[in-house]
Amino acid sequence: EVISAVQEERFSRKKHDDSFPFQSIKYILENS
């Protein structure tokens, strides 16, 4: 079951960000 999902561009503010999602992972772990 999907608990959380987030795109990196929400944190980097860079449209279509293709970098490694460090901030997304951090958010998911902290939020969960």
Full PDB file with SEQRES, HELIX, SHEET, SSBOND, CRYST1, ORIGX, SCALE, CONECT and MASTER records, all heavy atoms in Angstrom:
SEQRES   1 A   32  GLU VAL ILE SER ALA VAL GLN GLU GLU ARG PHE SER ARG          
SEQRES   2 A   32  LYS LYS HIS ASP ASP SER PHE PRO PHE GLN SER ILE LYS          
SEQRES   3 A   32  TYR ILE LEU GLU ASN SER                                      
HELIX    1 AA1 GLU A    9  SER A   12  1                                   4    
HELIX    2 AA2 PHE A   22  ASN A   31  1                                  10    
CRYST1    1.000    1.000    1.000  90.00  90.00  90.00 P 1           1          
ORIGX1      1.000000  0.000000  0.000000        0.00000                         
ORIGX2      0.000000  1.000000  0.000000        0.00000                         
ORIGX3      0.000000  0.000000  1.000000        0.00000                         
SCALE1      1.000000  0.000000  0.000000        0.00000                         
SCALE2      0.000000  1.000000  0.000000        0.00000                         
SCALE3      0.000000  0.000000  1.000000        0.00000                         
ATOM      1  N   GLU A   1       0.836  -1.199   0.000  1.00  0.00           N  
ATOM      2  CA  GLU A   1       0.000   0.000   0.000  1.00  0.00           C  
ATOM      3  C   GLU A   1       0.872   1.250   0.000  1.00  0.00           C  
ATOM      4  O   GLU A   1       1.835   1.344   0.768  1.00  0.00           O  
ATOM      5  CB  GLU A   1      -0.889   0.017   1.248  1.00  0.00           C  
ATOM      6  CG  GLU A   1      -1.815   1.196   1.313  1.00  0.00           C  
ATOM      7  CD  GLU A   1      -2.667   1.180   2.569  1.00  0.00           C  
ATOM      8  OE1 GLU A   1      -2.861   0.107   3.159  1.00  0.00           O  
ATOM      9  OE2 GLU A   1      -3.136   2.268   2.959  1.00  0.00           O  
ATOM     10  N   VAL A   2       0.548   2.213  -0.869  1.00  0.00           N  
ATOM     11  CA  VAL A   2       1.304   3.456  -0.924  1.00  0.00           C  
ATOM     12  C   VAL A   2       1.023   4.264   0.340  1.00  0.00           C  
ATOM     13  O   VAL A   2      -0.118   4.610   0.619  1.00  0.00           O  
ATOM     14  CB  VAL A   2       0.951   4.293  -2.180  1.00  0.00           C  
ATOM     15  CG1 VAL A   2       1.696   5.613  -2.161  1.00  0.00           C  
ATOM     16  CG2 VAL A   2       1.265   3.515  -3.447  1.00  0.00           C  
ATOM     17  N   ILE A   3       2.091   4.553   1.076  1.00  0.00           N  
ATOM     18  CA  ILE A   3       1.986   5.337   2.303  1.00  0.00           C  
ATOM     19  C   ILE A   3       2.299   6.799   2.015  1.00  0.00           C  
ATOM     20  O   ILE A   3       1.655   7.705   2.530  1.00  0.00           O  
ATOM     21  CB  ILE A   3       2.957   4.797   3.380  1.00  0.00           C  
ATOM     22  CG1 ILE A   3       2.669   3.329   3.690  1.00  0.00           C  
ATOM     23  CG2 ILE A   3       2.916   5.657   4.639  1.00  0.00           C  
ATOM     24  CD1 ILE A   3       1.267   3.045   4.175  1.00  0.00           C  
ATOM     25  N   SER A   4       3.301   7.015   1.167  1.00  0.00           N  
ATOM     26  CA  SER A   4       3.724   8.380   0.844  1.00  0.00           C  
ATOM     27  C   SER A   4       4.429   8.373  -0.509  1.00  0.00           C  
ATOM     28  O   SER A   4       5.101   7.404  -0.857  1.00  0.00           O  
ATOM     29  CB  SER A   4       4.672   8.875   1.938  1.00  0.00           C  
ATOM     30  OG  SER A   4       5.053  10.197   1.717  1.00  0.00           O  
ATOM     31  N   ALA A   5       4.275   9.466  -1.250  1.00  0.00           N  
ATOM     32  CA  ALA A   5       4.966   9.629  -2.528  1.00  0.00           C  
ATOM     33  C   ALA A   5       5.117  11.127  -2.789  1.00  0.00           C  
ATOM     34  O   ALA A   5       4.181  11.889  -2.553  1.00  0.00           O  
ATOM     35  CB  ALA A   5       4.185   8.976  -3.661  1.00  0.00           C  
ATOM     36  N   VAL A   6       6.297  11.521  -3.252  1.00  0.00           N  
ATOM     37  CA  VAL A   6       6.538  12.944  -3.480  1.00  0.00           C  
ATOM     38  C   VAL A   6       7.611  13.121  -4.563  1.00  0.00           C  
ATOM     39  O   VAL A   6       8.540  12.327  -4.658  1.00  0.00           O  
ATOM     40  CB  VAL A   6       6.937  13.662  -2.163  1.00  0.00           C  
ATOM     41  CG1 VAL A   6       8.238  13.158  -1.624  1.00  0.00           C  
ATOM     42  CG2 VAL A   6       6.946  15.158  -2.316  1.00  0.00           C  
ATOM     43  N   GLN A   7       7.448  14.158  -5.376  1.00  0.00           N  
ATOM     44  CA  GLN A   7       8.427  14.477  -6.411  1.00  0.00           C  
ATOM     45  C   GLN A   7       9.451  15.466  -5.861  1.00  0.00           C  
ATOM     46  O   GLN A   7       9.117  16.359  -5.067  1.00  0.00           O  
ATOM     47  CB  GLN A   7       7.748  15.089  -7.634  1.00  0.00           C  
ATOM     48  CG  GLN A   7       6.915  14.092  -8.407  1.00  0.00           C  
ATOM     49  CD  GLN A   7       6.328  14.721  -9.648  1.00  0.00           C  
ATOM     50  OE1 GLN A   7       5.824  15.835  -9.615  1.00  0.00           O  
ATOM     51  NE2 GLN A   7       6.389  13.994 -10.746  1.00  0.00           N  
ATOM     52  N   GLU A   8      10.673  15.327  -6.309  1.00  0.00           N  
ATOM     53  CA  GLU A   8      11.772  16.178  -5.833  1.00  0.00           C  
ATOM     54  C   GLU A   8      11.552  17.645  -6.180  1.00  0.00           C  
ATOM     55  O   GLU A   8      11.969  18.535  -5.436  1.00  0.00           O  
ATOM     56  CB  GLU A   8      13.095  15.681  -6.428  1.00  0.00           C  
ATOM     57  CG  GLU A   8      14.314  16.345  -5.854  1.00  0.00           C  
ATOM     58  CD  GLU A   8      14.618  15.977  -4.409  1.00  0.00           C  
ATOM     59  OE1 GLU A   8      13.946  15.102  -3.833  1.00  0.00           O  
ATOM     60  OE2 GLU A   8      15.548  16.581  -3.848  1.00  0.00           O  
ATOM     61  N   GLU A   9      10.869  17.932  -7.271  1.00  0.00           N  
ATOM     62  CA  GLU A   9      10.658  19.329  -7.678  1.00  0.00           C  
ATOM     63  C   GLU A   9       9.853  20.116  -6.646  1.00  0.00           C  
ATOM     64  O   GLU A   9       9.923  21.337  -6.616  1.00  0.00           O  
ATOM     65  CB  GLU A   9       9.996  19.409  -9.049  1.00  0.00           C  
ATOM     66  CG  GLU A   9       8.562  18.992  -9.091  1.00  0.00           C  
ATOM     67  CD  GLU A   9       7.953  19.134 -10.495  1.00  0.00           C  
ATOM     68  OE1 GLU A   9       8.659  18.961 -11.498  1.00  0.00           O  
ATOM     69  OE2 GLU A   9       6.756  19.416 -10.558  1.00  0.00           O  
ATOM     70  N   ARG A  10       9.117  19.436  -5.782  1.00  0.00           N  
ATOM     71  CA  ARG A  10       8.364  20.132  -4.724  1.00  0.00           C  
ATOM     72  C   ARG A  10       9.313  20.794  -3.724  1.00  0.00           C  
ATOM     73  O   ARG A  10       8.949  21.768  -3.080  1.00  0.00           O  
ATOM     74  CB  ARG A  10       7.443  19.166  -3.975  1.00  0.00           C  
ATOM     75  CG  ARG A  10       6.431  18.499  -4.856  1.00  0.00           C  
ATOM     76  CD  ARG A  10       5.479  19.522  -5.450  1.00  0.00           C  
ATOM     77  NE  ARG A  10       4.543  18.867  -6.344  1.00  0.00           N  
ATOM     78  CZ  ARG A  10       4.093  19.398  -7.445  1.00  0.00           C  
ATOM     79  NH1 ARG A  10       4.475  20.598  -7.810  1.00  0.00           N  
ATOM     80  NH2 ARG A  10       3.257  18.754  -8.209  1.00  0.00           N  
ATOM     81  N   PHE A  11      10.512  20.254  -3.595  1.00  0.00           N  
ATOM     82  CA  PHE A  11      11.499  20.796  -2.660  1.00  0.00           C  
ATOM     83  C   PHE A  11      12.536  21.670  -3.361  1.00  0.00           C  
ATOM     84  O   PHE A  11      12.923  22.710  -2.850  1.00  0.00           O  
ATOM     85  CB  PHE A  11      12.200  19.662  -1.913  1.00  0.00           C  
ATOM     86  CG  PHE A  11      11.237  18.782  -1.179  1.00  0.00           C  
ATOM     87  CD1 PHE A  11      10.864  17.559  -1.692  1.00  0.00           C  
ATOM     88  CD2 PHE A  11      10.664  19.198   0.015  1.00  0.00           C  
ATOM     89  CE1 PHE A  11       9.955  16.749  -1.029  1.00  0.00           C  
ATOM     90  CE2 PHE A  11       9.757  18.404   0.686  1.00  0.00           C  
ATOM     91  CZ  PHE A  11       9.392  17.170   0.161  1.00  0.00           C  
ATOM     92  N   SER A  12      12.972  21.246  -4.531  1.00  0.00           N  
ATOM     93  CA  SER A  12      14.022  21.978  -5.248  1.00  0.00           C  
ATOM     94  C   SER A  12      13.471  23.184  -5.996  1.00  0.00           C  
ATOM     95  O   SER A  12      14.228  24.088  -6.357  1.00  0.00           O  
ATOM     96  CB  SER A  12      14.735  21.059  -6.243  1.00  0.00           C  
ATOM     97  OG  SER A  12      13.855  20.702  -7.307  1.00  0.00           O  
ATOM     98  N   ARG A  13      12.167  23.168  -6.264  1.00  0.00           N  
ATOM     99  CA  ARG A  13      11.500  24.224  -7.036  1.00  0.00           C  
ATOM    100  C   ARG A  13      12.025  24.284  -8.476  1.00  0.00           C  
ATOM    101  O   ARG A  13      11.919  25.304  -9.141  1.00  0.00           O  
ATOM    102  CB  ARG A  13      11.623  25.584  -6.356  1.00  0.00           C  
ATOM    103  CG  ARG A  13      11.228  25.601  -4.889  1.00  0.00           C  
ATOM    104  CD  ARG A  13       9.791  25.254  -4.647  1.00  0.00           C  
ATOM    105  NE  ARG A  13       8.955  26.384  -5.020  1.00  0.00           N  
ATOM    106  CZ  ARG A  13       7.651  26.325  -5.162  1.00  0.00           C  
ATOM    107  NH1 ARG A  13       7.026  25.195  -4.967  1.00  0.00           N  
ATOM    108  NH2 ARG A  13       6.963  27.365  -5.494  1.00  0.00           N  
ATOM    109  N   LYS A  14      12.598  23.182  -8.943  1.00  0.00           N  
ATOM    110  CA  LYS A  14      13.111  23.076 -10.311  1.00  0.00           C  
ATOM    111  C   LYS A  14      12.167  22.149 -11.086  1.00  0.00           C  
ATOM    112  O   LYS A  14      12.099  20.947 -10.808  1.00  0.00           O  
ATOM    113  CB  LYS A  14      14.528  22.504 -10.300  1.00  0.00           C  
ATOM    114  CG  LYS A  14      15.115  22.306 -11.662  1.00  0.00           C  
ATOM    115  CD  LYS A  14      16.503  21.675 -11.564  1.00  0.00           C  
ATOM    116  CE  LYS A  14      16.991  21.288 -12.933  1.00  0.00           C  
ATOM    117  NZ  LYS A  14      18.205  20.466 -12.862  1.00  0.00           N  
ATOM    118  N   LYS A  15      11.448  22.714 -12.041  1.00  0.00           N  
ATOM    119  CA  LYS A  15      10.492  21.939 -12.832  1.00  0.00           C  
ATOM    120  C   LYS A  15      11.195  20.781 -13.541  1.00  0.00           C  
ATOM    121  O   LYS A  15      12.263  20.947 -14.113  1.00  0.00           O  
ATOM    122  CB  LYS A  15       9.824  22.868 -13.855  1.00  0.00           C  
ATOM    123  CG  LYS A  15       8.629  22.268 -14.520  1.00  0.00           C  
ATOM    124  CD  LYS A  15       7.469  22.217 -13.561  1.00  0.00           C  
ATOM    125  CE  LYS A  15       6.232  21.743 -14.301  1.00  0.00           C  
ATOM    126  NZ  LYS A  15       5.229  21.272 -13.398  1.00  0.00           N  
ATOM    127  N   HIS A  16      10.601  19.591 -13.459  1.00  0.00           N  
ATOM    128  CA  HIS A  16      11.129  18.369 -14.072  1.00  0.00           C  
ATOM    129  C   HIS A  16      12.520  18.018 -13.536  1.00  0.00           C  
ATOM    130  O   HIS A  16      13.370  17.521 -14.272  1.00  0.00           O  
ATOM    131  CB  HIS A  16      11.140  18.467 -15.596  1.00  0.00           C  
ATOM    132  CG  HIS A  16       9.816  18.809 -16.187  1.00  0.00           C  
ATOM    133  ND1 HIS A  16       8.691  18.033 -15.993  1.00  0.00           N  
ATOM    134  CD2 HIS A  16       9.418  19.866 -16.936  1.00  0.00           C  
ATOM    135  CE1 HIS A  16       7.674  18.584 -16.617  1.00  0.00           C  
ATOM    136  NE2 HIS A  16       8.080  19.704 -17.186  1.00  0.00           N  
ATOM    137  N   ASP A  17      12.751  18.252 -12.259  1.00  0.00           N  
ATOM    138  CA  ASP A  17      14.036  17.954 -11.617  1.00  0.00           C  
ATOM    139  C   ASP A  17      14.376  16.477 -11.806  1.00  0.00           C  
ATOM    140  O   ASP A  17      13.582  15.606 -11.489  1.00  0.00           O  
ATOM    141  CB  ASP A  17      13.948  18.295 -10.128  1.00  0.00           C  
ATOM    142  CG  ASP A  17      15.285  18.264  -9.435  1.00  0.00           C  
ATOM    143  OD1 ASP A  17      16.249  17.720  -9.999  1.00  0.00           O  
ATOM    144  OD2 ASP A  17      15.369  18.794  -8.313  1.00  0.00           O  
ATOM    145  N   ASP A  18      15.569  16.194 -12.336  1.00  0.00           N  
ATOM    146  CA  ASP A  18      15.968  14.811 -12.580  1.00  0.00           C  
ATOM    147  C   ASP A  18      17.111  14.362 -11.667  1.00  0.00           C  
ATOM    148  O   ASP A  18      17.712  13.324 -11.880  1.00  0.00           O  
ATOM    149  CB  ASP A  18      16.369  14.623 -14.049  1.00  0.00           C  
ATOM    150  CG  ASP A  18      17.586  15.445 -14.447  1.00  0.00           C  
ATOM    151  OD1 ASP A  18      18.063  16.265 -13.631  1.00  0.00           O  
ATOM    152  OD2 ASP A  18      18.069  15.264 -15.577  1.00  0.00           O  
ATOM    153  N   SER A  19      17.391  15.127 -10.617  1.00  0.00           N  
ATOM    154  CA  SER A  19      18.479  14.784  -9.699  1.00  0.00           C  
ATOM    155  C   SER A  19      18.060  13.656  -8.749  1.00  0.00           C  
ATOM    156  O   SER A  19      16.898  13.241  -8.723  1.00  0.00           O  
ATOM    157  CB  SER A  19      18.880  16.016  -8.884  1.00  0.00           C  
ATOM    158  OG  SER A  19      17.812  16.434  -8.061  1.00  0.00           O  
ATOM    159  N   PHE A  20      19.022  13.168  -7.958  1.00  0.00           N  
ATOM    160  CA  PHE A  20      18.701  12.144  -6.972  1.00  0.00           C  
ATOM    161  C   PHE A  20      17.780  12.765  -5.916  1.00  0.00           C  
ATOM    162  O   PHE A  20      18.060  13.858  -5.418  1.00  0.00           O  
ATOM    163  CB  PHE A  20      19.969  11.596  -6.310  1.00  0.00           C  
ATOM    164  CG  PHE A  20      19.705  10.375  -5.485  1.00  0.00           C  
ATOM    165  CD1 PHE A  20      19.663   9.135  -6.084  1.00  0.00           C  
ATOM    166  CD2 PHE A  20      19.470  10.477  -4.128  1.00  0.00           C  
ATOM    167  CE1 PHE A  20      19.396   7.998  -5.333  1.00  0.00           C  
ATOM    168  CE2 PHE A  20      19.204   9.349  -3.368  1.00  0.00           C  
ATOM    169  CZ  PHE A  20      19.165   8.106  -3.963  1.00  0.00           C  
ATOM    170  N   PRO A  21      16.678  12.097  -5.533  1.00  0.00           N  
ATOM    171  CA  PRO A  21      15.672  12.713  -4.661  1.00  0.00           C  
ATOM    172  C   PRO A  21      16.006  12.676  -3.159  1.00  0.00           C  
ATOM    173  O   PRO A  21      15.248  12.163  -2.339  1.00  0.00           O  
ATOM    174  CB  PRO A  21      14.419  11.892  -4.974  1.00  0.00           C  
ATOM    175  CG  PRO A  21      14.950  10.546  -5.308  1.00  0.00           C  
ATOM    176  CD  PRO A  21      16.228  10.808  -6.051  1.00  0.00           C  
ATOM    177  N   PHE A  22      17.134  13.251  -2.781  1.00  0.00           N  
ATOM    178  CA  PHE A  22      17.547  13.281  -1.369  1.00  0.00           C  
ATOM    179  C   PHE A  22      16.470  13.910  -0.477  1.00  0.00           C  
ATOM    180  O   PHE A  22      16.147  13.381   0.586  1.00  0.00           O  
ATOM    181  CB  PHE A  22      18.853  14.066  -1.192  1.00  0.00           C  
ATOM    182  CG  PHE A  22      20.063  13.383  -1.731  1.00  0.00           C  
ATOM    183  CD1 PHE A  22      20.694  13.854  -2.863  1.00  0.00           C  
ATOM    184  CD2 PHE A  22      20.587  12.256  -1.108  1.00  0.00           C  
ATOM    185  CE1 PHE A  22      21.822  13.234  -3.366  1.00  0.00           C  
ATOM    186  CE2 PHE A  22      21.712  11.620  -1.601  1.00  0.00           C  
ATOM    187  CZ  PHE A  22      22.333  12.112  -2.733  1.00  0.00           C  
ATOM    188  N   GLN A  23      15.963  15.048  -0.907  1.00  0.00           N  
ATOM    189  CA  GLN A  23      14.982  15.770  -0.089  1.00  0.00           C  
ATOM    190  C   GLN A  23      13.645  15.025   0.000  1.00  0.00           C  
ATOM    191  O   GLN A  23      12.985  15.045   1.041  1.00  0.00           O  
ATOM    192  CB  GLN A  23      14.769  17.187  -0.634  1.00  0.00           C  
ATOM    193  CG  GLN A  23      16.032  18.032  -0.548  1.00  0.00           C  
ATOM    194  CD  GLN A  23      15.827  19.400  -1.146  1.00  0.00           C  
ATOM    195  OE1 GLN A  23      15.423  20.304  -0.439  1.00  0.00           O  
ATOM    196  NE2 GLN A  23      16.083  19.533  -2.446  1.00  0.00           N  
ATOM    197  N   SER A  24      13.262  14.363  -1.066  1.00  0.00           N  
ATOM    198  CA  SER A  24      12.028  13.577  -1.058  1.00  0.00           C  
ATOM    199  C   SER A  24      12.140  12.403  -0.097  1.00  0.00           C  
ATOM    200  O   SER A  24      11.208  12.110   0.662  1.00  0.00           O  
ATOM    201  CB  SER A  24      11.713  13.054  -2.464  1.00  0.00           C  
ATOM    202  OG  SER A  24      11.473  14.106  -3.354  1.00  0.00           O  
ATOM    203  N   ILE A  25      13.277  11.734  -0.110  1.00  0.00           N  
ATOM    204  CA  ILE A  25      13.509  10.602   0.795  1.00  0.00           C  
ATOM    205  C   ILE A  25      13.499  11.085   2.243  1.00  0.00           C  
ATOM    206  O   ILE A  25      12.857  10.473   3.099  1.00  0.00           O  
ATOM    207  CB  ILE A  25      14.832   9.900   0.447  1.00  0.00           C  
ATOM    208  CG1 ILE A  25      14.724   9.232  -0.926  1.00  0.00           C  
ATOM    209  CG2 ILE A  25      15.195   8.878   1.530  1.00  0.00           C  
ATOM    210  CD1 ILE A  25      16.040   8.761  -1.500  1.00  0.00           C  
ATOM    211  N   LYS A  26      14.189  12.184   2.497  1.00  0.00           N  
ATOM    212  CA  LYS A  26      14.223  12.736   3.852  1.00  0.00           C  
ATOM    213  C   LYS A  26      12.804  13.063   4.329  1.00  0.00           C  
ATOM    214  O   LYS A  26      12.430  12.737   5.453  1.00  0.00           O  
ATOM    215  CB  LYS A  26      15.099  13.987   3.882  1.00  0.00           C  
ATOM    216  CG  LYS A  26      15.201  14.621   5.235  1.00  0.00           C  
ATOM    217  CD  LYS A  26      16.063  15.867   5.205  1.00  0.00           C  
ATOM    218  CE  LYS A  26      16.061  16.514   6.578  1.00  0.00           C  
ATOM    219  NZ  LYS A  26      16.543  17.860   6.583  1.00  0.00           N  
ATOM    220  N   TYR A  27      12.015  13.693   3.475  1.00  0.00           N  
ATOM    221  CA  TYR A  27      10.643  14.038   3.825  1.00  0.00           C  
ATOM    222  C   TYR A  27       9.824  12.792   4.149  1.00  0.00           C  
ATOM    223  O   TYR A  27       9.106  12.745   5.152  1.00  0.00           O  
ATOM    224  CB  TYR A  27       9.983  14.820   2.682  1.00  0.00           C  
ATOM    225  CG  TYR A  27       8.510  15.022   2.894  1.00  0.00           C  
ATOM    226  CD1 TYR A  27       8.041  16.044   3.715  1.00  0.00           C  
ATOM    227  CD2 TYR A  27       7.579  14.175   2.304  1.00  0.00           C  
ATOM    228  CE1 TYR A  27       6.682  16.221   3.941  1.00  0.00           C  
ATOM    229  CE2 TYR A  27       6.222  14.334   2.525  1.00  0.00           C  
ATOM    230  CZ  TYR A  27       5.785  15.360   3.339  1.00  0.00           C  
ATOM    231  OH  TYR A  27       4.440  15.522   3.565  1.00  0.00           O  
ATOM    232  N   ILE A  28       9.902  11.794   3.310  1.00  0.00           N  
ATOM    233  CA  ILE A  28       9.122  10.571   3.512  1.00  0.00           C  
ATOM    234  C   ILE A  28       9.491   9.893   4.823  1.00  0.00           C  
ATOM    235  O   ILE A  28       8.613   9.480   5.585  1.00  0.00           O  
ATOM    236  CB  ILE A  28       9.303   9.609   2.316  1.00  0.00           C  
ATOM    237  CG1 ILE A  28       8.502  10.132   1.119  1.00  0.00           C  
ATOM    238  CG2 ILE A  28       8.862   8.198   2.674  1.00  0.00           C  
ATOM    239  CD1 ILE A  28       8.729   9.368  -0.154  1.00  0.00           C  
ATOM    240  N   LEU A  29      10.782   9.782   5.107  1.00  0.00           N  
ATOM    241  CA  LEU A  29      11.215   9.132   6.341  1.00  0.00           C  
ATOM    242  C   LEU A  29      10.766   9.924   7.571  1.00  0.00           C  
ATOM    243  O   LEU A  29      10.240   9.349   8.528  1.00  0.00           O  
ATOM    244  CB  LEU A  29      12.736   8.944   6.345  1.00  0.00           C  
ATOM    245  CG  LEU A  29      13.287   7.992   5.288  1.00  0.00           C  
ATOM    246  CD1 LEU A  29      14.808   7.987   5.323  1.00  0.00           C  
ATOM    247  CD2 LEU A  29      12.738   6.591   5.462  1.00  0.00           C  
ATOM    248  N   GLU A  30      10.957  11.235   7.533  1.00  0.00           N  
ATOM    249  CA  GLU A  30      10.551  12.067   8.675  1.00  0.00           C  
ATOM    250  C   GLU A  30       9.041  12.077   8.854  1.00  0.00           C  
ATOM    251  O   GLU A  30       8.538  11.957   9.971  1.00  0.00           O  
ATOM    252  CB  GLU A  30      11.077  13.487   8.503  1.00  0.00           C  
ATOM    253  CG  GLU A  30      12.564  13.599   8.698  1.00  0.00           C  
ATOM    254  CD  GLU A  30      13.109  15.002   8.430  1.00  0.00           C  
ATOM    255  OE1 GLU A  30      12.335  15.899   8.012  1.00  0.00           O  
ATOM    256  OE2 GLU A  30      14.316  15.185   8.643  1.00  0.00           O  
ATOM    257  N   ASN A  31       8.307  12.211   7.769  1.00  0.00           N  
ATOM    258  CA  ASN A  31       6.852  12.267   7.824  1.00  0.00           C  
ATOM    259  C   ASN A  31       6.256  10.944   8.312  1.00  0.00           C  
ATOM    260  O   ASN A  31       5.237  10.935   9.008  1.00  0.00           O  
ATOM    261  CB  ASN A  31       6.291  12.629   6.450  1.00  0.00           C  
ATOM    262  CG  ASN A  31       4.830  12.972   6.486  1.00  0.00           C  
ATOM    263  OD1 ASN A  31       4.413  13.814   7.266  1.00  0.00           O  
ATOM    264  ND2 ASN A  31       4.052  12.306   5.656  1.00  0.00           N  
ATOM    265  N   SER A  32       6.898   9.836   7.970  1.00  0.00           N  
ATOM    266  CA  SER A  32       6.412   8.518   8.374  1.00  0.00           C  
ATOM    267  C   SER A  32       6.974   8.085   9.726  1.00  0.00           C  
ATOM    268  O   SER A  32       6.640   7.008  10.219  1.00  0.00           O  
ATOM    269  CB  SER A  32       6.788   7.481   7.311  1.00  0.00           C  
ATOM    270  OG  SER A  32       6.238   7.839   6.072  1.00  0.00           O  
TER     271      SER A  32                                                      
MASTER        0    0    0    2    0    0    0    6  270    1    0    3          
END                                                                             
